[in-house]
Amino acid sequence: MRPKTFDCVQMKRRGAEQVMKRLEGKTVQEQLEYWQKGTEELITRQQSLKKNKVQPEIGDCP
């Protein structure tokens, strides 16, 4: 058996911890604005990639 080079569960947990730190101490309204802004940025990026027919690289997430 080969050793793991990538652990997706560990990556998910690290990402969740980062989000929790960013949202720590924020009001519900501020948290909502955080998620809305992120969604808008994702949609814009997807549209740009689709328009230019560019395939994102694996791990090419902000």
C-alpha atoms as a PDB file:
ATOM      1  CA  MET A   1       0.000   0.000   0.000  1.00  0.00           C
ATOM      2  CA  ARG A   2       1.328   3.411  -0.984  1.00  0.00           C
ATOM      3  CA  PRO A   3       1.515   6.203   1.579  1.00  0.00           C
ATOM      4  CA  LYS A   4      -1.078   8.948   1.202  1.00  0.00           C
ATOM      5  CA  THR A   5       0.143  12.055  -0.541  1.00  0.00           C
ATOM      6  CA  PHE A   6      -3.140  13.912  -0.151  1.00  0.00           C
ATOM      7  CA  ASP A   7      -5.794  13.720   2.566  1.00  0.00           C
ATOM      8  CA  CYS A   8      -9.056  15.345   1.457  1.00  0.00           C
ATOM      9  CA  VAL A   9     -10.672  15.069   4.917  1.00  0.00           C
ATOM     10  CA  GLN A  10      -7.723  16.899   6.468  1.00  0.00           C
ATOM     11  CA  MET A  11      -7.959  19.573   3.759  1.00  0.00           C
ATOM     12  CA  LYS A  12     -11.709  20.012   4.376  1.00  0.00           C
ATOM     13  CA  ARG A  13     -11.169  20.389   8.118  1.00  0.00           C
ATOM     14  CA  ARG A  14      -8.377  22.930   7.611  1.00  0.00           C
ATOM     15  CA  GLY A  15     -10.622  24.949   5.311  1.00  0.00           C
ATOM     16  CA  ALA A  16     -13.477  24.850   7.821  1.00  0.00           C
ATOM     17  CA  GLU A  17     -11.125  26.069  10.562  1.00  0.00           C
ATOM     18  CA  GLN A  18      -9.985  28.980   8.380  1.00  0.00           C
ATOM     19  CA  VAL A  19     -13.581  29.998   7.689  1.00  0.00           C
ATOM     20  CA  MET A  20     -14.450  29.783  11.384  1.00  0.00           C
ATOM     21  CA  LYS A  21     -11.511  32.082  12.214  1.00  0.00           C
ATOM     22  CA  ARG A  22     -12.582  34.603   9.558  1.00  0.00           C
ATOM     23  CA  LEU A  23     -16.147  34.652  10.855  1.00  0.00           C
ATOM     24  CA  GLU A  24     -15.249  34.670  14.542  1.00  0.00           C
ATOM     25  CA  GLY A  25     -16.813  37.629  16.326  1.00  0.00           C
ATOM     26  CA  LYS A  26     -18.848  38.729  13.301  1.00  0.00           C
ATOM     27  CA  THR A  27     -22.566  39.413  13.460  1.00  0.00           C
ATOM     28  CA  VAL A  28     -25.058  37.295  11.541  1.00  0.00           C
ATOM     29  CA  GLN A  29     -25.370  40.130   9.009  1.00  0.00           C
ATOM     30  CA  GLU A  30     -21.586  40.283   8.527  1.00  0.00           C
ATOM     31  CA  GLN A  31     -21.445  36.509   8.100  1.00  0.00           C
ATOM     32  CA  LEU A  32     -24.201  36.676   5.481  1.00  0.00           C
ATOM     33  CA  GLU A  33     -22.291  39.389   3.606  1.00  0.00           C
ATOM     34  CA  TYR A  34     -19.130  37.227   3.711  1.00  0.00           C
ATOM     35  CA  TRP A  35     -20.947  34.299   2.071  1.00  0.00           C
ATOM     36  CA  GLN A  36     -22.741  36.500  -0.471  1.00  0.00           C
ATOM     37  CA  LYS A  37     -19.474  38.130  -1.538  1.00  0.00           C
ATOM     38  CA  GLY A  38     -17.794  34.743  -1.886  1.00  0.00           C
ATOM     39  CA  THR A  39     -20.678  33.436  -3.982  1.00  0.00           C
ATOM     40  CA  GLU A  40     -20.550  36.478  -6.266  1.00  0.00           C
ATOM     41  CA  GLU A  41     -16.792  36.054  -6.739  1.00  0.00           C
ATOM     42  CA  LEU A  42     -17.239  32.368  -7.565  1.00  0.00           C
ATOM     43  CA  ILE A  43     -19.968  33.087 -10.128  1.00  0.00           C
ATOM     44  CA  THR A  44     -17.819  35.782 -11.755  1.00  0.00           C
ATOM     45  CA  ARG A  45     -14.841  33.418 -11.924  1.00  0.00           C
ATOM     46  CA  GLN A  46     -16.950  30.603 -13.381  1.00  0.00           C
ATOM     47  CA  GLN A  47     -18.384  32.908 -16.045  1.00  0.00           C
ATOM     48  CA  SER A  48     -14.915  34.132 -16.960  1.00  0.00           C
ATOM     49  CA  LEU A  49     -13.577  30.591 -17.289  1.00  0.00           C
ATOM     50  CA  LYS A  50     -16.598  29.540 -19.324  1.00  0.00           C
ATOM     51  CA  LYS A  51     -16.263  32.568 -21.610  1.00  0.00           C
ATOM     52  CA  ASN A  52     -12.567  31.884 -22.193  1.00  0.00           C
ATOM     53  CA  LYS A  53     -13.086  28.096 -22.198  1.00  0.00           C
ATOM     54  CA  VAL A  54     -10.229  27.719 -19.716  1.00  0.00           C
ATOM     55  CA  GLN A  55     -10.156  24.591 -17.580  1.00  0.00           C
ATOM     56  CA  PRO A  56      -8.992  25.375 -14.028  1.00  0.00           C
ATOM     57  CA  GLU A  57      -6.040  23.435 -12.693  1.00  0.00           C
ATOM     58  CA  ILE A  58      -6.596  21.067  -9.797  1.00  0.00           C
ATOM     59  CA  GLY A  59      -5.914  22.977  -6.595  1.00  0.00           C
ATOM     60  CA  ASP A  60      -6.489  26.314  -8.351  1.00  0.00           C
ATOM     61  CA  CYS A  61      -8.830  27.566  -5.634  1.00  0.00           C
ATOM     62  CA  PRO A  62      -8.472  30.913  -3.922  1.00  0.00           C
END
